[in-house]
N, C-alpha and C. Protein backbone atom coordinates (compact mmCIF):
# COMPACT_ATOMS: atom_id res chain seq x y z
N UNK A 1 118.88 -71.70 -27.09
CA UNK A 1 119.73 -72.04 -25.90
C UNK A 1 119.05 -71.10 -24.55
N UNK A 2 118.90 -69.63 -25.03
CA UNK A 2 118.74 -68.54 -24.46
C UNK A 2 117.37 -68.62 -23.64
N UNK A 3 116.26 -69.45 -24.32
CA UNK A 3 114.77 -69.81 -23.80
C UNK A 3 115.08 -70.92 -22.84
N UNK A 4 116.05 -71.75 -22.97
CA UNK A 4 115.93 -72.84 -21.95
C UNK A 4 116.82 -72.39 -20.58
N UNK A 5 117.21 -71.21 -20.54
CA UNK A 5 118.04 -70.72 -19.31
C UNK A 5 117.09 -69.88 -18.74
N UNK A 6 116.18 -69.58 -19.36
CA UNK A 6 115.17 -68.64 -18.82
C UNK A 6 114.11 -69.26 -18.05
N UNK A 7 113.69 -70.54 -18.82
CA UNK A 7 112.69 -71.29 -18.14
C UNK A 7 113.33 -72.22 -16.94
N UNK A 8 114.74 -72.25 -16.92
CA UNK A 8 115.32 -73.07 -15.79
C UNK A 8 115.37 -71.90 -14.32
N UNK A 9 115.81 -70.43 -14.95
CA UNK A 9 115.70 -69.35 -14.41
C UNK A 9 114.39 -69.52 -13.06
N UNK A 10 113.05 -69.27 -14.33
CA UNK A 10 111.75 -69.37 -13.55
C UNK A 10 111.55 -70.24 -12.85
N UNK A 11 111.55 -71.65 -13.34
CA UNK A 11 111.84 -72.80 -12.25
C UNK A 11 112.20 -72.47 -10.89
N UNK A 12 113.41 -72.46 -10.91
CA UNK A 12 114.47 -71.98 -10.00
C UNK A 12 113.86 -70.85 -8.74
N UNK A 13 113.22 -69.88 -9.47
CA UNK A 13 112.39 -69.13 -8.24
C UNK A 13 110.92 -70.33 -8.18
N UNK A 14 110.08 -70.75 -8.94
CA UNK A 14 109.72 -71.59 -8.33
C UNK A 14 109.31 -72.59 -7.05
N UNK A 15 110.61 -73.37 -7.48
CA UNK A 15 111.09 -73.93 -5.73
C UNK A 15 111.06 -73.07 -5.05
N UNK A 16 111.74 -72.15 -5.08
CA UNK A 16 111.93 -71.32 -3.86
C UNK A 16 110.63 -71.00 -3.03
N UNK A 17 109.33 -70.51 -4.08
CA UNK A 17 108.11 -69.99 -4.35
C UNK A 17 107.46 -71.39 -3.01
N UNK A 18 107.56 -72.10 -3.59
CA UNK A 18 106.81 -73.64 -2.78
C UNK A 18 107.43 -73.91 -1.61
N UNK A 19 108.97 -73.66 -1.23
CA UNK A 19 109.56 -73.52 -0.36
C UNK A 19 109.20 -72.38 1.02
N UNK A 20 108.73 -71.94 0.57
CA UNK A 20 108.06 -70.56 1.58
C UNK A 20 109.28 -69.28 1.83
N UNK A 21 110.01 -69.47 0.81
CA UNK A 21 111.32 -68.71 0.48
C UNK A 21 111.27 -67.04 -0.23
N UNK A 22 110.07 -67.02 -0.37
CA UNK A 22 109.86 -65.28 -1.14
C UNK A 22 108.53 -65.48 -0.66
N UNK A 23 108.24 -63.61 -0.63
CA UNK A 23 107.22 -63.12 -0.06
C UNK A 23 106.37 -62.62 -1.21
N UNK A 24 106.32 -62.85 -2.54
CA UNK A 24 106.04 -62.12 -3.62
C UNK A 24 104.77 -63.40 -4.00
N UNK A 25 103.86 -64.03 -3.03
CA UNK A 25 102.64 -65.10 -3.34
C UNK A 25 102.15 -64.83 -4.81
N UNK A 26 101.22 -64.06 -4.82
CA UNK A 26 100.52 -63.97 -6.03
C UNK A 26 101.25 -63.54 -7.64
N UNK A 27 102.04 -63.15 -7.43
CA UNK A 27 103.31 -62.79 -8.73
C UNK A 27 103.67 -64.36 -8.80
N UNK A 28 104.24 -64.60 -8.05
CA UNK A 28 104.98 -66.06 -8.14
C UNK A 28 104.13 -67.13 -8.37
N UNK A 29 103.07 -66.78 -8.29
CA UNK A 29 102.10 -68.11 -8.70
C UNK A 29 101.97 -68.14 -9.82
N UNK A 30 101.72 -67.07 -10.71
CA UNK A 30 101.76 -66.49 -11.94
C UNK A 30 102.73 -67.03 -12.51
N UNK A 31 103.75 -66.49 -12.17
CA UNK A 31 105.35 -66.95 -13.03
C UNK A 31 105.45 -68.51 -12.69
N UNK A 32 105.02 -68.93 -12.03
CA UNK A 32 105.32 -70.64 -11.98
C UNK A 32 104.66 -71.19 -12.87
N UNK A 33 103.29 -70.80 -12.96
CA UNK A 33 102.76 -71.56 -14.08
C UNK A 33 103.06 -70.98 -15.61
N UNK A 34 103.24 -69.77 -15.62
CA UNK A 34 104.12 -69.19 -16.99
C UNK A 34 105.54 -70.11 -17.12
N UNK A 35 106.13 -70.53 -16.29
CA UNK A 35 107.34 -71.46 -16.53
C UNK A 35 107.17 -72.79 -17.06
N UNK A 36 106.24 -73.23 -15.97
CA UNK A 36 105.57 -74.43 -16.57
C UNK A 36 104.94 -74.92 -17.69
N UNK A 37 104.06 -73.88 -18.30
CA UNK A 37 103.78 -73.80 -19.83
C UNK A 37 104.81 -73.62 -20.56
N UNK A 38 105.74 -72.79 -20.23
CA UNK A 38 107.28 -72.84 -21.16
C UNK A 38 107.97 -73.61 -20.92
N UNK A 39 108.22 -74.82 -20.19
CA UNK A 39 109.25 -75.72 -20.35
C UNK A 39 108.21 -76.72 -21.03
N UNK A 40 107.11 -77.20 -20.89
CA UNK A 40 106.24 -77.72 -21.34
C UNK A 40 106.14 -77.87 -23.06
N UNK A 41 106.21 -76.43 -22.99
CA UNK A 41 106.23 -76.07 -24.72
C UNK A 41 107.42 -76.50 -25.04
N UNK A 42 108.65 -76.09 -24.48
CA UNK A 42 110.18 -76.46 -24.97
C UNK A 42 110.18 -77.77 -25.02
N UNK A 43 109.54 -78.65 -24.31
CA UNK A 43 109.91 -80.28 -24.11
C UNK A 43 109.38 -80.64 -25.36
N UNK A 44 108.14 -80.32 -25.70
CA UNK A 44 106.99 -80.45 -27.20
C UNK A 44 107.75 -79.96 -28.36
N UNK A 45 107.82 -79.14 -28.11
CA UNK A 45 108.82 -78.43 -29.51
C UNK A 45 109.77 -79.35 -29.73
N UNK A 46 110.81 -79.35 -28.89
CA UNK A 46 112.39 -80.53 -29.10
C UNK A 46 111.71 -81.89 -29.49
N UNK A 47 110.86 -82.16 -29.44
CA UNK A 47 110.37 -83.38 -29.90
C UNK A 47 109.45 -83.31 -31.39
N UNK A 48 109.49 -82.64 -31.91
CA UNK A 48 108.92 -82.07 -33.06
C UNK A 48 110.00 -82.29 -34.73
N UNK A 49 110.54 -83.70 -34.34
CA UNK A 49 111.53 -83.65 -35.54
C UNK A 49 112.92 -82.58 -35.88
N UNK A 50 113.44 -82.37 -37.22
CA UNK A 50 114.91 -81.64 -37.39
C UNK A 50 114.26 -80.16 -37.52
N UNK A 51 114.84 -79.50 -37.41
CA UNK A 51 114.77 -77.82 -37.69
C UNK A 51 115.81 -78.13 -39.04
N UNK A 52 115.00 -77.56 -39.79
CA UNK A 52 115.55 -77.18 -41.05
C UNK A 52 116.19 -75.85 -40.99
N UNK A 53 117.37 -75.53 -42.04
CA UNK A 53 117.99 -74.31 -41.43
C UNK A 53 117.64 -72.99 -42.89
N UNK A 54 117.61 -72.04 -42.66
CA UNK A 54 116.83 -70.78 -43.21
C UNK A 54 117.94 -70.94 -44.82
N UNK A 55 119.21 -71.01 -44.45
CA UNK A 55 119.64 -71.36 -45.47
C UNK A 55 120.27 -73.02 -45.94
N UNK A 56 119.68 -73.08 -47.42
CA UNK A 56 119.89 -74.56 -47.22
C UNK A 56 121.01 -75.04 -47.30
N UNK A 57 122.31 -74.23 -47.62
CA UNK A 57 123.99 -74.75 -47.22
C UNK A 57 124.42 -74.92 -45.96
N UNK A 58 123.51 -74.69 -44.93
CA UNK A 58 123.70 -74.75 -43.64
C UNK A 58 122.97 -75.99 -43.01
N UNK A 59 122.68 -76.91 -43.91
CA UNK A 59 122.37 -78.29 -43.52
C UNK A 59 123.22 -79.30 -42.97
N UNK A 60 123.04 -80.48 -43.20
CA UNK A 60 124.12 -81.77 -42.44
C UNK A 60 124.25 -82.12 -43.63
N UNK A 61 123.88 -81.85 -44.52
CA UNK A 61 125.28 -82.41 -46.13
C UNK A 61 124.93 -81.45 -47.19
N UNK A 62 125.44 -82.15 -48.06
CA UNK A 62 125.50 -81.55 -49.36
C UNK A 62 123.94 -80.81 -49.74
N UNK A 63 123.64 -79.55 -50.45
CA UNK A 63 122.07 -79.18 -50.48
C UNK A 63 122.19 -79.91 -51.85
N UNK A 64 120.58 -79.85 -52.31
CA UNK A 64 120.40 -80.75 -53.22
C UNK A 64 119.73 -79.36 -54.39
N UNK A 65 119.85 -79.31 -55.57
CA UNK A 65 119.39 -78.26 -56.69
C UNK A 65 118.10 -79.31 -56.75
N UNK A 66 116.76 -78.48 -56.80
CA UNK A 66 115.53 -79.33 -56.95
C UNK A 66 114.98 -79.45 -58.81
N UNK A 67 114.32 -80.14 -59.02
CA UNK A 67 113.82 -80.36 -60.43
C UNK A 67 112.63 -80.54 -60.55
N UNK A 68 111.43 -79.64 -60.75
CA UNK A 68 110.32 -80.14 -60.65
C UNK A 68 109.69 -80.91 -62.23
N UNK A 69 109.14 -82.11 -62.14
CA UNK A 69 108.84 -82.71 -63.31
C UNK A 69 107.07 -82.51 -63.38
N UNK A 70 106.57 -82.72 -64.77
CA UNK A 70 105.16 -82.44 -64.52
C UNK A 70 104.79 -83.40 -65.67
N UNK A 71 103.85 -84.38 -65.35
CA UNK A 71 103.01 -85.62 -66.46
C UNK A 71 101.78 -84.93 -66.54
N UNK A 72 101.50 -83.84 -66.43
CA UNK A 72 100.27 -83.37 -66.21
C UNK A 72 99.74 -82.58 -67.28
N UNK A 73 98.41 -82.32 -67.86
CA UNK A 73 98.14 -81.33 -68.64
C UNK A 73 97.88 -80.06 -67.96
N UNK A 74 98.21 -79.66 -66.99
CA UNK A 74 98.27 -78.34 -65.85
C UNK A 74 99.08 -77.98 -65.50
N UNK A 75 99.85 -76.50 -65.74
CA UNK A 75 100.71 -76.05 -65.13
C UNK A 75 100.84 -75.94 -63.35
N UNK A 76 102.25 -75.97 -62.79
CA UNK A 76 102.01 -75.72 -61.63
C UNK A 76 102.94 -74.58 -61.45
N UNK A 77 102.25 -73.92 -59.61
CA UNK A 77 103.04 -72.76 -60.17
C UNK A 77 103.71 -72.85 -58.16
N UNK A 78 104.47 -71.79 -57.95
CA UNK A 78 104.74 -72.04 -56.38
C UNK A 78 104.85 -73.48 -55.63
N UNK A 79 105.93 -73.95 -56.57
CA UNK A 79 105.76 -75.28 -55.57
C UNK A 79 107.13 -75.25 -54.33
N UNK A 80 106.40 -75.86 -53.60
CA UNK A 80 107.32 -75.74 -52.21
C UNK A 80 108.11 -77.36 -51.72
N UNK A 81 108.89 -77.13 -51.20
CA UNK A 81 109.58 -79.13 -50.39
C UNK A 81 109.58 -77.95 -48.96
N UNK A 82 109.30 -78.21 -48.11
CA UNK A 82 109.02 -77.75 -46.95
C UNK A 82 109.06 -76.05 -47.07
N UNK A 83 110.09 -75.48 -46.67
CA UNK A 83 110.00 -74.13 -46.77
C UNK A 83 111.13 -73.17 -47.84
N UNK A 84 111.47 -74.56 -48.98
CA UNK A 84 112.28 -74.12 -49.95
C UNK A 84 111.26 -74.36 -51.36
N UNK A 85 111.65 -73.14 -51.78
CA UNK A 85 111.06 -72.66 -53.49
C UNK A 85 111.34 -73.98 -54.64
N UNK A 86 111.12 -74.75 -55.37
CA UNK A 86 111.08 -75.83 -55.85
C UNK A 86 111.12 -74.93 -57.38
N UNK A 87 110.51 -73.52 -57.73
CA UNK A 87 110.59 -73.70 -59.27
C UNK A 87 108.99 -73.68 -59.25
N UNK A 88 108.62 -73.15 -60.54
CA UNK A 88 107.36 -73.90 -61.28
C UNK A 88 107.49 -74.66 -62.31
N UNK A 89 106.31 -75.78 -63.33
CA UNK A 89 107.07 -76.36 -64.05
C UNK A 89 105.64 -76.54 -65.06
N UNK A 90 105.72 -76.07 -66.47
CA UNK A 90 104.74 -76.54 -67.39
C UNK A 90 104.24 -77.34 -67.50
N UNK A 91 102.77 -77.74 -68.49
CA UNK A 91 102.02 -78.60 -68.58
C UNK A 91 103.07 -80.01 -69.10
N UNK A 92 103.11 -81.17 -68.76
CA UNK A 92 103.96 -82.06 -69.58
C UNK A 92 106.17 -81.77 -69.69
N UNK A 93 106.19 -81.33 -68.77
CA UNK A 93 107.52 -80.38 -68.87
C UNK A 93 108.30 -80.60 -67.75
N UNK A 94 109.48 -80.31 -67.45
CA UNK A 94 110.32 -79.89 -66.42
C UNK A 94 111.77 -80.82 -67.03
N UNK A 95 112.55 -80.56 -65.87
CA UNK A 95 113.66 -81.17 -66.21
C UNK A 95 114.82 -80.64 -66.88
N UNK A 96 114.41 -78.94 -67.28
CA UNK A 96 115.53 -78.26 -67.90
C UNK A 96 115.73 -77.16 -66.89
N UNK A 97 115.19 -76.69 -65.97
CA UNK A 97 115.31 -75.76 -65.13
C UNK A 97 115.49 -76.19 -63.67
N UNK A 98 116.42 -75.85 -62.72
CA UNK A 98 116.55 -76.04 -61.60
C UNK A 98 116.28 -75.03 -60.48
N UNK A 99 116.21 -75.01 -59.64
CA UNK A 99 116.28 -74.09 -58.58
C UNK A 99 117.15 -74.28 -57.35
N UNK A 100 117.61 -73.62 -56.05
CA UNK A 100 118.69 -73.97 -55.36
C UNK A 100 117.36 -73.56 -54.22
N UNK A 101 117.72 -74.38 -53.49
CA UNK A 101 118.31 -75.99 -52.85
C UNK A 101 117.52 -76.24 -52.06
N UNK A 102 117.72 -77.78 -51.76
CA UNK A 102 116.93 -78.75 -50.33
C UNK A 102 118.48 -78.74 -49.64
N UNK A 103 118.30 -78.68 -48.39
CA UNK A 103 119.74 -78.89 -47.20
C UNK A 103 119.52 -80.45 -47.15
N UNK A 104 120.72 -81.03 -47.13
CA UNK A 104 121.13 -82.03 -46.98
C UNK A 104 120.76 -82.10 -45.71
N UNK A 105 120.41 -83.14 -44.99
CA UNK A 105 119.80 -83.55 -43.53
C UNK A 105 120.40 -84.83 -42.94
N UNK A 106 120.15 -85.57 -42.01
CA UNK A 106 120.74 -86.57 -41.04
C UNK A 106 119.42 -87.74 -41.69
N UNK A 107 118.41 -87.51 -41.58
CA UNK A 107 117.62 -88.35 -41.46
C UNK A 107 116.64 -88.46 -42.90
N UNK A 108 116.84 -88.84 -43.64
CA UNK A 108 115.94 -88.48 -45.24
C UNK A 108 114.93 -89.05 -44.68
N UNK A 109 114.22 -89.83 -43.84
CA UNK A 109 113.11 -90.64 -43.53
C UNK A 109 112.12 -89.59 -43.11
N UNK A 110 112.71 -88.58 -42.33
CA UNK A 110 111.89 -87.44 -41.96
C UNK A 110 110.33 -87.42 -43.12
N UNK A 111 109.00 -86.75 -42.68
CA UNK A 111 108.39 -85.85 -43.46
C UNK A 111 108.57 -85.01 -43.92
N UNK A 112 108.56 -85.12 -45.16
CA UNK A 112 108.40 -83.40 -46.27
C UNK A 112 106.89 -83.17 -46.54
N UNK A 113 106.67 -81.67 -46.63
CA UNK A 113 105.37 -80.83 -46.96
C UNK A 113 106.01 -80.85 -48.23
N UNK A 114 105.00 -81.18 -49.33
CA UNK A 114 105.15 -80.61 -50.63
C UNK A 114 103.53 -79.73 -50.95
N UNK A 115 103.81 -78.40 -51.35
CA UNK A 115 102.40 -77.62 -51.83
C UNK A 115 102.80 -76.79 -53.31
N UNK A 116 101.69 -76.87 -53.82
CA UNK A 116 101.91 -76.39 -54.93
C UNK A 116 100.65 -75.84 -55.53
N UNK A 117 100.56 -75.15 -56.47
CA UNK A 117 99.12 -74.38 -57.22
C UNK A 117 99.28 -75.22 -58.45
N UNK A 118 97.71 -76.01 -58.79
CA UNK A 118 97.73 -75.65 -59.90
C UNK A 118 97.14 -74.71 -60.63
N UNK A 119 97.70 -74.16 -62.15
CA UNK A 119 97.46 -72.68 -62.48
C UNK A 119 96.31 -73.17 -62.96
N UNK A 120 95.36 -71.94 -63.51
CA UNK A 120 94.08 -71.63 -63.58
C UNK A 120 93.84 -71.79 -65.15
N UNK A 121 92.88 -72.26 -66.17
CA UNK A 121 93.06 -72.59 -67.52
C UNK A 121 91.51 -71.88 -68.23
N UNK A 122 91.71 -71.18 -69.78
CA UNK A 122 91.09 -70.80 -69.58
C UNK A 122 90.73 -71.39 -71.47
N UNK A 123 89.71 -70.77 -71.36
CA UNK A 123 88.85 -71.58 -73.31
C UNK A 123 89.74 -70.66 -74.19
N UNK A 124 90.43 -70.98 -75.30
CA UNK A 124 91.48 -70.55 -76.04
C UNK A 124 90.47 -69.62 -76.81
N UNK A 125 89.71 -69.77 -77.29
CA UNK A 125 88.29 -69.16 -78.22
C UNK A 125 87.58 -67.70 -77.01
N UNK A 126 87.23 -68.11 -76.01
CA UNK A 126 86.62 -67.23 -75.46
C UNK A 126 86.91 -66.40 -74.50
N UNK A 127 88.63 -67.09 -73.95
CA UNK A 127 89.43 -66.58 -72.62
C UNK A 127 88.60 -66.74 -71.72
N UNK A 128 87.66 -67.37 -71.38
CA UNK A 128 86.92 -67.51 -69.93
C UNK A 128 87.55 -68.34 -69.27
N UNK A 129 87.80 -68.42 -68.30
CA UNK A 129 88.14 -69.04 -67.25
C UNK A 129 87.79 -70.37 -67.05
N UNK A 130 88.11 -71.71 -67.48
CA UNK A 130 87.46 -72.73 -67.03
C UNK A 130 87.93 -73.35 -65.91
N UNK A 131 88.98 -73.38 -65.66
CA UNK A 131 89.03 -74.07 -64.40
C UNK A 131 89.91 -73.11 -63.05
N UNK A 132 89.69 -72.66 -61.87
CA UNK A 132 90.34 -71.74 -61.31
C UNK A 132 91.66 -72.43 -60.66
N UNK A 133 92.68 -71.30 -60.21
CA UNK A 133 93.80 -72.00 -59.56
C UNK A 133 93.36 -73.00 -58.44
N UNK A 134 93.81 -74.17 -58.03
CA UNK A 134 93.89 -74.93 -56.83
C UNK A 134 95.27 -75.26 -56.35
N UNK A 135 95.04 -74.88 -54.87
CA UNK A 135 96.35 -75.20 -54.01
C UNK A 135 95.94 -76.50 -53.52
N UNK A 136 97.35 -76.94 -53.52
CA UNK A 136 97.01 -78.38 -53.09
C UNK A 136 98.64 -78.74 -52.39
N UNK A 137 98.19 -79.41 -51.10
CA UNK A 137 99.82 -79.68 -49.85
C UNK A 137 99.28 -81.22 -49.69
N UNK A 138 100.37 -81.54 -49.50
CA UNK A 138 100.75 -83.63 -49.19
C UNK A 138 101.88 -83.46 -48.29
N UNK A 139 101.77 -84.59 -47.71
CA UNK A 139 102.96 -84.79 -46.53
C UNK A 139 103.50 -86.03 -47.47
N UNK A 140 104.73 -85.92 -48.01
CA UNK A 140 105.59 -87.25 -48.55
C UNK A 140 106.82 -87.34 -47.87
N UNK A 141 107.42 -88.08 -48.37
CA UNK A 141 109.16 -88.82 -48.02
C UNK A 141 109.88 -89.07 -48.95
N UNK A 142 110.94 -88.34 -49.33
CA UNK A 142 112.56 -88.88 -49.83
C UNK A 142 112.57 -90.35 -49.55
N UNK A 143 112.88 -90.76 -50.68
CA UNK A 143 113.54 -92.20 -50.49
C UNK A 143 114.36 -92.12 -49.33
N UNK A 144 114.46 -93.04 -48.18
CA UNK A 144 114.60 -93.37 -46.99
C UNK A 144 116.17 -93.77 -46.69
N UNK A 145 117.15 -94.26 -47.93
CA UNK A 145 118.24 -94.25 -47.78
C UNK A 145 118.68 -92.54 -48.10
N UNK A 146 118.30 -92.15 -48.79
CA UNK A 146 119.12 -90.45 -49.31
C UNK A 146 119.98 -90.54 -50.28
N UNK A 147 119.97 -88.99 -50.62
CA UNK A 147 120.64 -89.70 -51.93
C UNK A 147 121.98 -90.11 -52.04
N UNK A 148 122.16 -90.77 -53.14
CA UNK A 148 123.62 -91.83 -53.90
C UNK A 148 125.01 -91.15 -53.64
N UNK A 149 125.41 -91.13 -52.78
CA UNK A 149 127.12 -90.83 -52.51
C UNK A 149 127.69 -91.44 -53.63
N UNK A 150 128.81 -90.90 -54.22
CA UNK A 150 129.87 -91.66 -55.14
C UNK A 150 131.03 -90.63 -55.35
N UNK A 151 131.93 -91.45 -55.04
CA UNK A 151 133.58 -90.54 -55.60
C UNK A 151 133.56 -89.96 -56.81
N UNK A 152 132.46 -90.71 -57.59
CA UNK A 152 133.01 -89.52 -59.10
C UNK A 152 131.60 -89.02 -59.23
N UNK A 153 131.65 -87.81 -59.29
CA UNK A 153 130.68 -86.59 -59.09
C UNK A 153 129.39 -86.51 -60.27
N UNK A 154 129.57 -87.32 -61.24
CA UNK A 154 128.86 -87.86 -62.18
C UNK A 154 127.59 -88.52 -61.92
N UNK A 155 128.44 -89.20 -60.69
CA UNK A 155 127.58 -90.65 -60.10
C UNK A 155 126.59 -90.53 -59.33
N UNK A 156 127.08 -89.57 -58.84
CA UNK A 156 126.52 -88.74 -56.98
C UNK A 156 125.10 -88.10 -57.34
N UNK A 157 124.19 -88.18 -55.93
CA UNK A 157 122.65 -87.85 -56.54
C UNK A 157 122.87 -86.26 -56.00
N UNK A 158 122.81 -85.57 -56.98
CA UNK A 158 122.79 -83.99 -56.81
C UNK A 158 121.54 -83.37 -56.74
N UNK A 159 120.51 -83.87 -57.28
CA UNK A 159 119.32 -83.30 -57.86
C UNK A 159 118.16 -84.16 -56.98
N UNK A 160 117.18 -83.01 -56.16
CA UNK A 160 115.70 -83.63 -55.64
C UNK A 160 114.58 -83.43 -56.83
N UNK A 161 114.02 -84.51 -57.12
CA UNK A 161 113.13 -84.36 -58.26
C UNK A 161 111.82 -84.08 -57.43
N UNK A 162 110.72 -83.55 -57.66
CA UNK A 162 109.29 -83.12 -57.73
C UNK A 162 108.66 -83.74 -58.86
N UNK A 163 107.83 -84.71 -58.73
CA UNK A 163 107.50 -85.47 -59.70
C UNK A 163 106.01 -85.85 -59.76
N UNK A 164 105.32 -84.95 -60.62
CA UNK A 164 103.86 -84.61 -60.63
C UNK A 164 103.10 -85.60 -61.37
N UNK A 165 102.89 -87.02 -61.07
CA UNK A 165 102.45 -87.94 -61.79
C UNK A 165 101.23 -87.83 -62.01
N UNK A 166 99.96 -87.60 -61.68
CA UNK A 166 98.94 -86.88 -62.31
C UNK A 166 98.22 -85.57 -61.20
N UNK A 167 97.20 -85.28 -61.20
CA UNK A 167 96.33 -84.41 -60.41
C UNK A 167 96.62 -84.47 -59.15
N UNK A 168 96.75 -85.61 -58.67
CA UNK A 168 96.75 -85.85 -56.78
C UNK A 168 98.16 -86.64 -56.57
N UNK A 169 98.79 -87.11 -57.56
CA UNK A 169 100.25 -87.69 -57.11
C UNK A 169 101.23 -87.46 -57.41
N UNK A 170 102.16 -87.23 -56.24
CA UNK A 170 103.25 -85.99 -56.57
C UNK A 170 104.79 -87.44 -55.88
N UNK A 171 105.03 -87.38 -56.44
CA UNK A 171 106.44 -88.28 -55.93
C UNK A 171 108.00 -87.54 -55.16
N UNK A 172 108.27 -87.74 -54.62
CA UNK A 172 110.00 -87.09 -54.29
C UNK A 172 110.98 -88.56 -55.07
N UNK A 173 112.33 -88.02 -55.69
CA UNK A 173 112.89 -89.30 -55.84
C UNK A 173 114.64 -88.31 -55.72
N UNK A 174 115.79 -88.93 -55.79
CA UNK A 174 116.59 -88.11 -56.27
C UNK A 174 117.66 -88.55 -57.60
N UNK A 175 118.58 -87.68 -58.17
CA UNK A 175 119.20 -88.09 -59.35
C UNK A 175 120.09 -87.36 -59.68
N UNK A 176 121.22 -88.04 -60.35
CA UNK A 176 122.44 -87.29 -60.45
C UNK A 176 122.92 -86.22 -61.46
N UNK A 177 121.21 -85.85 -62.23
CA UNK A 177 121.56 -85.23 -63.52
C UNK A 177 119.98 -84.81 -63.42
N UNK A 178 119.83 -83.39 -63.67
CA UNK A 178 118.24 -82.76 -63.61
C UNK A 178 117.81 -83.48 -64.70
N UNK A 179 118.45 -83.57 -65.86
CA UNK A 179 117.26 -84.53 -66.77
C UNK A 179 117.42 -85.54 -66.49
N UNK A 180 117.91 -86.12 -65.32
CA UNK A 180 117.88 -87.65 -65.01
C UNK A 180 116.29 -87.75 -64.72
N UNK A 181 116.19 -86.22 -63.64
CA UNK A 181 114.98 -86.22 -63.29
C UNK A 181 113.50 -86.76 -63.90
N UNK A 182 113.82 -86.50 -64.96
CA UNK A 182 112.81 -86.63 -66.69
C UNK A 182 112.08 -87.78 -66.75
N UNK A 183 113.75 -88.71 -66.41
CA UNK A 183 113.60 -90.20 -66.88
C UNK A 183 113.05 -91.18 -65.63
N UNK A 184 112.73 -90.52 -64.93
CA UNK A 184 112.14 -91.27 -63.28
C UNK A 184 110.56 -91.32 -63.54
C-alpha cells in the first residue's frame, strides 16, 4: 500500500509539472518518467494472479500437508510446490512422510510450479556415476474444485499429493490421508 501512495504523490507532482506550476523542469521530467514506470509496474504486478503468503497458515483456507509419491526408479529430492518444500522421496516410495504445508487458497484453478531434482545414480559395483542429478520444473494445476471439505475430519481432504508417475509426468491431487495419496 505504501508503494501506491508514493506512486500517487509522484503522479500528482507530474500533473503540477505539466500544468506549468513548478520550476524544476529537468528533474521533474525524470520523476514523471519514473512515476509512469512505477505505476505501470504496479498495474502489471497486480494482474499476476494470487500472491502466496510466506507462512502457509496465513492462507485463505486450511493449510494442507504435502505428501510426495514416486512411481519411478529414481529418487526425487528438493521437491517444491511453488515456494513450499514438499520433501524428498525414494524410488517407488512415498506416502509415509509428510511435510508442512501448502496454504489454503481461494482459487485452486491457478497454475502452480513444481520443481524437483532426480538424484544421481551410480553403478553398484564400480561406484561410478551413471546418471547425474537432473533438475526439472513443470507448471501444473491442482484439481480445480479444491480439497473436499466434510464435517467429518476423517473424510475431509487434508493432504496435497505430489505424484511422480514417470520421469516426465507429475500430478497433483488431494486426499483425506497421507496413505491415501499412495492409492492415487
